[in-house]
Amino acid sequence: MAIERFHIHVSSEILDDLQYRLHHVRWPDQLENSSWERGTELSYLKSLVSYWRDHYDWRAQESVLNRFSQFRCNIDGIDVHFVHERGKGPNPLPLILTHGWPDSYLRYQKIIPLLTDPASYGGNPEDSFDVIVPSLPGFGFSGRPNLPGINNFRVSEMWATLMTKELGYEKFAAAGGDMGSGVTRYLAANHPDLLFGIHLTDIGIIRDLMKAKLSEEELRYQKSASEWIAQEGGYMSIQSTRPQTLAYGLSDSPAGLAGWMIEKFRAWSDCNGNLPQRFSEDELITHIMIYWVTNTIGSSAHMYYENSHSLPPMGYIEVPTGIALFAADVLLPPKEWAMRNLNVTRWTSLPRGGHFAALEEPELLAQDMRAFYKPFRAENKN
């Protein structure tokens, strides 16, 4: 289909059904003297669900989300939802931003105005971007794939089509974190001619440290990664092996879905174990709602299966690469590995912020992205 305007409107039937489920949660026990070490803490989740049931206003949040210019088009048989906000400046640089899990396109809601309209936030209008933020296939308001094989590589091919054939950009910039980092790197590896440069807030979990002699930093990373996977990687193991089994419970219970997702926002953000320090209840619940109202928690988990079973190898990335690392993110990569595998032209270590950088520290991230892309603006003839 051609590009069509998209407006979020969730049916009252879905919202009424949700209210019924929130009023009839069957809660598990929690061991005495335990907290978050065994998973999402019971009293916190009860409090969040109580707020969700009695005070959260989806229609108000829906109105806020609809302030963005949203569209859908069909690429390779899958409907792709995306935000497309035009930059307010003399020659905006087109930029596609890719999210990960358990967030959604909402990962970038705070940073979009900083990038499209820098002058309104104390910046230079010459640093403006046209910002495109798609929802990954199987996430949120994009279509749910009905065939296997939709992995980071396939999505990167879809994004190349979206940016060039659908939106008409000859060349563009790309950025991402979490799963979005993988998609962005595949874009760079396979379509270097289309890209000015790529900007990443992480480079995923490095599993191929195979050099005979590793640096001290790489040895420390190897040890940390092994420990993190053993202690924190259970979600990844189940989503990479049995996503369908997991989907039944999470698609049926909003409290279960919240428990599955909220733990990651707490563990991966720079909140020191205190979620309200980083995210409001409305922010957290709106992220959960994106999965609930679209019934995409199962299809999103299948991306983990595909990425662990069907990804092709990725070679050296020649496209200029900026890497911004936030101090509290998980598994900060060794610089030596990054330099061997990517053409890193900017490496920034930021003093605060975690895995959800665009949500946690949008100003810091926007500043780094503007600085990284400034040298490429003279090439922009879109």
Protein backbone atom coordinates (compact mmCIF):
# COMPACT_ATOMS: atom_id res chain seq x y z
CA MET A 1 0.00 0.00 0.00
CA ALA A 2 1.05 3.61 -0.41
CA ILE A 3 2.09 5.64 2.59
CA GLU A 4 -0.98 6.44 4.66
CA ARG A 5 -1.53 8.73 7.61
CA PHE A 6 -1.85 6.85 10.88
CA HIS A 7 -3.77 7.90 13.96
CA ILE A 8 -3.78 5.88 17.19
CA HIS A 9 -7.23 5.00 18.47
CA VAL A 10 -7.64 1.94 20.65
CA SER A 11 -11.16 0.55 20.81
CA SER A 12 -13.20 0.89 24.00
CA GLU A 13 -13.66 -2.89 23.97
CA ILE A 14 -9.91 -3.42 24.39
CA LEU A 15 -9.74 -0.86 27.21
CA ASP A 16 -12.79 -2.31 28.97
CA ASP A 17 -11.31 -5.81 28.76
CA LEU A 18 -8.05 -4.47 30.21
CA GLN A 19 -9.90 -2.89 33.13
CA TYR A 20 -11.60 -6.21 33.90
CA ARG A 21 -8.25 -8.01 33.95
CA LEU A 22 -6.65 -5.35 36.16
CA HIS A 23 -9.52 -5.77 38.63
CA HIS A 24 -9.12 -9.57 38.72
CA VAL A 25 -5.39 -10.20 39.07
CA ARG A 26 -4.42 -13.42 40.83
CA TRP A 27 -1.23 -12.51 42.66
CA PRO A 28 1.57 -14.95 43.50
CA ASP A 29 3.32 -15.13 46.87
CA GLN A 30 6.70 -13.59 47.57
CA LEU A 31 9.22 -15.02 50.01
CA GLU A 32 9.72 -13.11 53.24
CA ASN A 33 12.74 -10.80 53.37
CA SER A 34 13.13 -10.90 49.57
CA SER A 35 13.02 -7.96 47.20
CA TRP A 36 14.02 -7.66 43.52
CA GLU A 37 16.75 -10.31 43.53
CA ARG A 38 14.28 -13.03 42.44
CA GLY A 39 12.41 -10.84 39.95
CA THR A 40 9.89 -8.01 40.00
CA GLU A 41 9.04 -7.10 43.59
CA LEU A 42 5.44 -7.87 44.58
CA SER A 43 4.53 -4.73 46.51
CA TYR A 44 5.94 -2.47 43.77
CA LEU A 45 4.00 -4.27 41.05
CA LYS A 46 0.79 -4.19 43.09
CA SER A 47 1.22 -0.44 43.49
CA LEU A 48 1.87 0.04 39.77
CA VAL A 49 -1.13 -2.06 38.77
CA SER A 50 -3.30 -0.16 41.24
CA TYR A 51 -2.26 3.12 39.62
CA TRP A 52 -2.81 1.61 36.16
CA ARG A 53 -6.31 0.47 37.12
CA ASP A 54 -7.51 3.55 39.02
CA HIS A 55 -5.61 6.59 37.75
CA TYR A 56 -3.86 6.00 34.43
CA ASP A 57 -5.59 7.71 31.50
CA TRP A 58 -4.86 6.02 28.17
CA ARG A 59 -6.94 8.50 26.19
CA ALA A 60 -4.78 11.35 27.49
CA GLN A 61 -1.62 9.48 26.55
CA GLU A 62 -3.10 8.57 23.18
CA SER A 63 -3.65 12.28 22.51
CA VAL A 64 -0.01 13.03 23.38
CA LEU A 65 1.25 10.28 21.07
CA ASN A 66 -0.93 11.53 18.23
CA ARG A 67 0.89 14.87 18.28
CA PHE A 68 3.61 13.13 16.26
CA SER A 69 3.13 12.83 12.49
CA GLN A 70 2.59 9.10 12.05
CA PHE A 71 2.25 6.92 8.98
CA ARG A 72 2.07 3.33 7.79
CA CYS A 73 3.19 1.65 4.61
CA ASN A 74 3.66 -1.94 3.52
CA ILE A 75 7.17 -3.28 2.95
CA ASP A 76 7.79 -6.93 2.05
CA GLY A 77 4.23 -7.78 3.01
CA ILE A 78 4.43 -6.22 6.50
CA ASP A 79 2.76 -3.00 7.56
CA VAL A 80 5.37 -0.63 9.01
CA HIS A 81 4.30 2.11 11.40
CA PHE A 82 6.61 5.11 11.67
CA VAL A 83 6.89 8.65 12.93
CA HIS A 84 8.15 11.16 10.37
CA GLU A 85 8.84 14.62 11.80
CA ARG A 86 10.37 17.22 9.48
CA GLY A 87 13.28 19.29 10.70
CA LYS A 88 13.01 23.02 11.24
CA GLY A 89 16.22 24.27 9.71
CA PRO A 90 17.82 25.23 6.38
CA ASN A 91 18.88 21.70 5.35
CA PRO A 92 17.71 18.97 7.77
CA LEU A 93 19.69 15.73 7.73
CA PRO A 94 17.42 12.67 7.41
CA LEU A 95 17.88 10.32 10.37
CA ILE A 96 16.25 6.96 11.08
CA LEU A 97 16.16 5.87 14.73
CA THR A 98 15.62 2.22 15.66
CA HIS A 99 14.45 1.05 19.07
CA GLY A 100 14.82 -2.28 20.88
CA TRP A 101 13.09 -4.37 23.54
CA PRO A 102 11.30 -3.99 25.97
CA ASP A 103 10.79 -0.42 24.81
CA SER A 104 9.22 0.68 21.54
CA TYR A 105 9.27 3.67 19.23
CA LEU A 106 8.47 5.63 22.41
CA ARG A 107 12.14 5.27 23.32
CA TYR A 108 12.68 8.39 21.17
CA GLN A 109 9.65 10.51 22.07
CA LYS A 110 11.70 12.96 24.19
CA ILE A 111 14.56 13.35 21.74
CA ILE A 112 12.51 13.91 18.56
CA PRO A 113 11.83 17.63 19.22
CA LEU A 114 15.46 18.19 20.29
CA LEU A 115 16.63 16.85 16.93
CA THR A 116 13.99 18.34 14.65
CA ASP A 117 13.92 21.79 16.23
CA PRO A 118 17.24 22.46 17.99
CA ALA A 119 16.74 26.23 17.91
CA SER A 120 13.81 25.94 20.32
CA TYR A 121 16.10 24.22 22.83
CA GLY A 122 19.06 26.55 22.69
CA GLY A 123 20.72 24.92 19.67
CA ASN A 124 21.55 25.85 16.10
CA PRO A 125 18.83 25.40 13.42
CA GLU A 126 21.57 24.22 11.06
CA ASP A 127 21.81 21.09 13.23
CA SER A 128 18.23 19.99 12.55
CA PHE A 129 17.19 16.52 11.38
CA ASP A 130 14.25 15.00 9.59
CA VAL A 131 13.53 12.24 12.12
CA ILE A 132 12.02 8.90 11.14
CA VAL A 133 11.22 6.43 13.92
CA PRO A 134 9.70 3.13 12.77
CA SER A 135 8.21 0.46 14.98
CA LEU A 136 10.04 -2.81 14.42
CA PRO A 137 7.96 -5.52 12.69
CA GLY A 138 6.00 -7.32 15.39
CA PHE A 139 6.23 -4.36 17.76
CA GLY A 140 3.48 -1.88 18.59
CA PHE A 141 1.57 -0.50 15.63
CA SER A 142 3.60 -2.27 12.95
CA GLY A 143 2.22 -5.52 11.55
CA ARG A 144 2.95 -8.89 13.13
CA PRO A 145 4.95 -11.13 10.76
CA ASN A 146 3.20 -14.42 9.98
CA LEU A 147 6.30 -16.12 8.59
CA PRO A 148 9.74 -16.76 10.14
CA GLY A 149 12.94 -14.98 9.17
CA ILE A 150 12.32 -11.41 10.31
CA ASN A 151 15.59 -10.63 12.07
CA ASN A 152 17.86 -7.60 12.41
CA PHE A 153 19.26 -8.14 8.91
CA ARG A 154 15.83 -8.36 7.27
CA VAL A 155 14.66 -5.27 9.14
CA SER A 156 17.71 -3.33 7.96
CA GLU A 157 16.72 -4.17 4.37
CA MET A 158 13.19 -2.94 5.08
CA TRP A 159 14.57 0.31 6.52
CA ALA A 160 16.69 0.86 3.40
CA THR A 161 13.50 0.51 1.33
CA LEU A 162 11.56 2.79 3.66
CA MET A 163 14.13 5.58 3.52
CA THR A 164 14.88 5.47 -0.21
CA LYS A 165 11.95 4.05 -2.17
CA GLU A 166 9.13 5.09 0.16
CA LEU A 167 10.38 8.42 1.55
CA GLY A 168 12.68 9.41 -1.30
CA TYR A 169 15.92 10.12 0.56
CA GLU A 170 19.05 9.51 -1.50
CA LYS A 171 21.30 9.29 1.55
CA PHE A 172 20.58 9.34 5.26
CA ALA A 173 21.88 8.87 8.80
CA ALA A 174 20.96 6.00 11.11
CA ALA A 175 21.13 5.46 14.85
CA GLY A 176 19.92 2.96 17.39
CA GLY A 177 20.35 1.11 20.63
CA ASP A 178 19.68 -2.43 21.85
CA MET A 179 18.12 -4.36 18.95
CA GLY A 180 18.21 -1.06 17.05
CA SER A 181 21.99 -1.11 17.24
CA GLY A 182 22.05 -4.43 15.40
CA VAL A 183 19.64 -3.21 12.73
CA THR A 184 21.71 -0.04 12.26
CA ARG A 185 24.97 -1.95 11.95
CA TYR A 186 23.50 -4.29 9.32
CA LEU A 187 22.33 -1.21 7.41
CA ALA A 188 25.89 0.11 7.48
CA ALA A 189 27.47 -3.24 6.59
CA ASN A 190 25.23 -3.88 3.58
CA HIS A 191 24.33 -0.38 2.35
CA PRO A 192 27.33 1.86 3.07
CA ASP A 193 26.56 3.94 -0.01
CA LEU A 194 23.24 5.04 1.49
CA LEU A 195 24.61 6.28 4.80
CA PHE A 196 26.40 9.41 5.98
CA GLY A 197 27.29 7.66 9.22
CA ILE A 198 25.80 5.63 12.05
CA HIS A 199 25.45 6.50 15.73
CA LEU A 200 25.13 3.82 18.41
CA THR A 201 24.52 3.79 22.16
CA ASP A 202 25.70 0.18 22.42
CA ILE A 203 27.01 -2.61 20.21
CA GLY A 204 25.12 -5.53 21.69
CA ILE A 205 26.57 -8.47 23.59
CA ILE A 206 29.92 -9.37 22.05
CA ARG A 207 30.21 -13.14 21.80
CA ASP A 208 33.12 -13.56 19.36
CA LEU A 209 36.16 -12.52 21.42
CA MET A 210 38.30 -15.19 19.75
CA LYS A 211 41.69 -13.50 19.53
CA ALA A 212 44.54 -15.55 20.96
CA LYS A 213 45.72 -12.58 23.01
CA LEU A 214 43.04 -10.36 24.49
CA SER A 215 43.68 -7.01 26.12
CA GLU A 216 42.99 -6.55 29.82
CA GLU A 217 39.85 -4.58 28.94
CA GLU A 218 38.62 -7.37 26.68
CA LEU A 219 39.32 -10.00 29.36
CA ARG A 220 37.34 -7.95 31.89
CA TYR A 221 34.50 -7.63 29.41
CA GLN A 222 34.52 -11.36 28.70
CA LYS A 223 34.23 -12.12 32.42
CA SER A 224 31.52 -9.50 32.97
CA ALA A 225 29.52 -10.70 29.97
CA SER A 226 29.60 -14.31 31.17
CA GLU A 227 28.44 -13.27 34.63
CA TRP A 228 25.72 -10.98 33.25
CA ILE A 229 24.32 -13.66 30.93
CA ALA A 230 24.27 -16.17 33.81
CA GLN A 231 22.57 -13.80 36.26
CA GLU A 232 20.48 -11.52 34.03
CA GLY A 233 20.06 -13.33 30.72
CA GLY A 234 17.12 -15.59 31.55
CA TYR A 235 14.68 -13.43 29.59
CA MET A 236 16.96 -13.67 26.55
CA SER A 237 17.27 -17.45 26.80
CA ILE A 238 13.51 -18.05 26.87
CA GLN A 239 12.73 -15.48 24.16
CA SER A 240 15.47 -16.94 21.96
CA THR A 241 14.29 -20.53 22.36
CA ARG A 242 10.60 -20.71 23.36
CA PRO A 243 8.95 -17.35 22.58
CA GLN A 244 5.63 -18.99 21.74
CA THR A 245 5.37 -20.64 25.16
CA LEU A 246 6.07 -17.33 26.88
CA ALA A 247 3.54 -15.47 24.74
CA TYR A 248 0.48 -17.24 26.16
CA GLY A 249 0.86 -15.92 29.68
CA LEU A 250 2.10 -12.43 28.77
CA SER A 251 -0.64 -11.92 26.17
CA ASP A 252 -3.30 -12.92 28.70
CA SER A 253 -2.22 -11.09 31.85
CA PRO A 254 -1.50 -7.35 31.96
CA ALA A 255 0.04 -7.77 35.43
CA GLY A 256 2.28 -10.53 34.08
CA LEU A 257 3.29 -8.37 31.13
CA ALA A 258 4.10 -5.48 33.45
CA GLY A 259 6.18 -7.72 35.70
CA TRP A 260 8.14 -9.07 32.73
CA MET A 261 8.93 -5.63 31.33
CA ILE A 262 9.33 -3.45 34.41
CA GLU A 263 12.20 -5.48 35.82
CA LYS A 264 14.27 -4.57 32.75
CA PHE A 265 13.55 -0.85 33.03
CA ARG A 266 14.76 -1.03 36.63
CA ALA A 267 17.81 -3.21 35.99
CA TRP A 268 19.06 -1.50 32.83
CA SER A 269 18.45 2.17 33.61
CA ASP A 270 20.45 4.61 35.71
CA CYS A 271 17.90 4.61 38.54
CA ASN A 272 19.92 3.05 41.41
CA GLY A 273 17.08 0.61 42.03
CA ASN A 274 14.54 3.42 42.32
CA LEU A 275 12.35 3.50 39.20
CA PRO A 276 10.57 6.81 40.00
CA GLN A 277 14.00 8.45 39.95
CA ARG A 278 14.05 7.92 36.17
CA PHE A 279 10.53 7.18 34.96
CA SER A 280 7.05 8.30 35.92
CA GLU A 281 4.30 5.73 36.34
CA ASP A 282 2.62 7.12 33.22
CA GLU A 283 5.80 6.65 31.18
CA LEU A 284 6.23 3.05 32.27
CA ILE A 285 2.60 2.10 31.79
CA THR A 286 2.41 3.72 28.35
CA HIS A 287 5.31 1.51 27.25
CA ILE A 288 3.45 -1.52 28.56
CA MET A 289 0.25 -0.34 26.90
CA ILE A 290 1.89 -0.20 23.47
CA TYR A 291 2.48 -3.95 23.76
CA TRP A 292 -0.87 -4.71 25.42
CA VAL A 293 -3.27 -2.88 23.10
CA THR A 294 -1.53 -4.24 19.99
CA ASN A 295 -1.00 -7.76 21.43
CA THR A 296 2.64 -7.72 20.28
CA ILE A 297 4.57 -9.08 23.24
CA GLY A 298 4.64 -12.51 21.58
CA SER A 299 5.66 -11.25 18.15
CA SER A 300 8.34 -9.02 19.71
CA ALA A 301 9.81 -12.01 21.53
CA HIS A 302 10.05 -13.90 18.25
CA MET A 303 12.68 -11.37 17.11
CA TYR A 304 15.00 -12.86 19.72
CA TYR A 305 14.43 -16.32 18.28
CA GLU A 306 15.13 -15.11 14.75
CA ASN A 307 18.24 -13.19 15.81
CA SER A 308 19.66 -16.26 17.51
CA HIS A 309 18.80 -18.70 14.71
CA SER A 310 18.95 -16.95 11.35
CA LEU A 311 21.26 -13.92 11.36
CA PRO A 312 23.97 -13.84 8.66
CA PRO A 313 27.51 -12.81 9.64
CA MET A 314 28.42 -9.14 9.69
CA GLY A 315 31.78 -7.94 8.40
CA TYR A 316 33.83 -4.83 9.16
CA ILE A 317 31.76 -1.66 9.04
CA GLU A 318 33.43 1.04 6.95
CA VAL A 319 30.76 3.69 7.49
CA PRO A 320 31.89 6.40 9.95
CA THR A 321 30.57 5.41 13.36
CA GLY A 322 29.88 7.41 16.49
CA ILE A 323 29.52 5.55 19.77
CA ALA A 324 28.05 7.22 22.86
CA LEU A 325 28.31 5.09 26.00
CA PHE A 326 26.19 5.96 29.02
CA ALA A 327 27.78 5.20 32.38
CA ALA A 328 25.07 2.92 33.80
CA ASP A 329 24.35 0.91 30.65
CA VAL A 330 24.87 -2.84 30.78
CA LEU A 331 28.08 -4.38 29.41
CA LEU A 332 29.94 -1.34 28.11
CA PRO A 333 32.00 -2.64 25.16
CA PRO A 334 35.81 -2.76 25.07
CA LYS A 335 37.13 0.03 22.88
CA GLU A 336 39.74 -2.22 21.22
CA TRP A 337 37.04 -4.56 19.90
CA ALA A 338 34.96 -1.65 18.58
CA MET A 339 37.97 -0.15 16.80
CA ARG A 340 38.75 -3.48 15.11
CA ASN A 341 35.21 -4.01 13.87
CA LEU A 342 33.86 -0.54 13.15
CA ASN A 343 35.21 2.66 11.64
CA VAL A 344 34.86 4.56 14.91
CA THR A 345 35.36 8.30 14.38
CA ARG A 346 33.77 9.50 17.62
CA TRP A 347 33.82 7.74 21.01
CA THR A 348 32.05 9.47 23.89
CA SER A 349 31.74 8.30 27.49
CA LEU A 350 28.87 10.07 29.21
CA PRO A 351 28.68 10.48 32.99
CA ARG A 352 25.12 9.31 33.57
CA GLY A 353 22.25 7.49 31.91
CA GLY A 354 21.61 3.83 31.19
CA HIS A 355 20.35 1.50 28.49
CA PHE A 356 17.35 3.68 27.60
CA ALA A 357 19.52 6.70 26.86
CA ALA A 358 17.03 8.63 24.73
CA LEU A 359 14.45 8.37 27.51
CA GLU A 360 16.82 8.95 30.41
CA GLU A 361 19.20 11.61 29.08
CA PRO A 362 17.74 12.97 25.82
CA GLU A 363 19.72 16.21 25.99
CA LEU A 364 23.08 14.43 26.35
CA LEU A 365 22.28 12.07 23.52
CA ALA A 366 21.00 14.83 21.24
CA GLN A 367 24.16 16.87 21.83
CA ASP A 368 26.38 13.93 20.94
CA MET A 369 24.39 13.12 17.81
CA ARG A 370 24.48 16.72 16.61
CA ALA A 371 28.25 16.85 17.14
CA PHE A 372 28.86 13.53 15.37
CA TYR A 373 26.78 14.38 12.30
CA LYS A 374 27.91 18.00 11.89
CA PRO A 375 30.80 17.15 9.49
CA PHE A 376 28.43 15.27 7.15
CA ARG A 377 25.93 18.06 6.62
CA ALA A 378 27.74 19.53 3.65
CA GLU A 379 27.11 16.25 1.79
CA ASN A 380 23.36 16.39 2.37
CA LYS A 381 21.57 17.11 -0.90
CA ASN A 382 18.20 15.54 -0.12
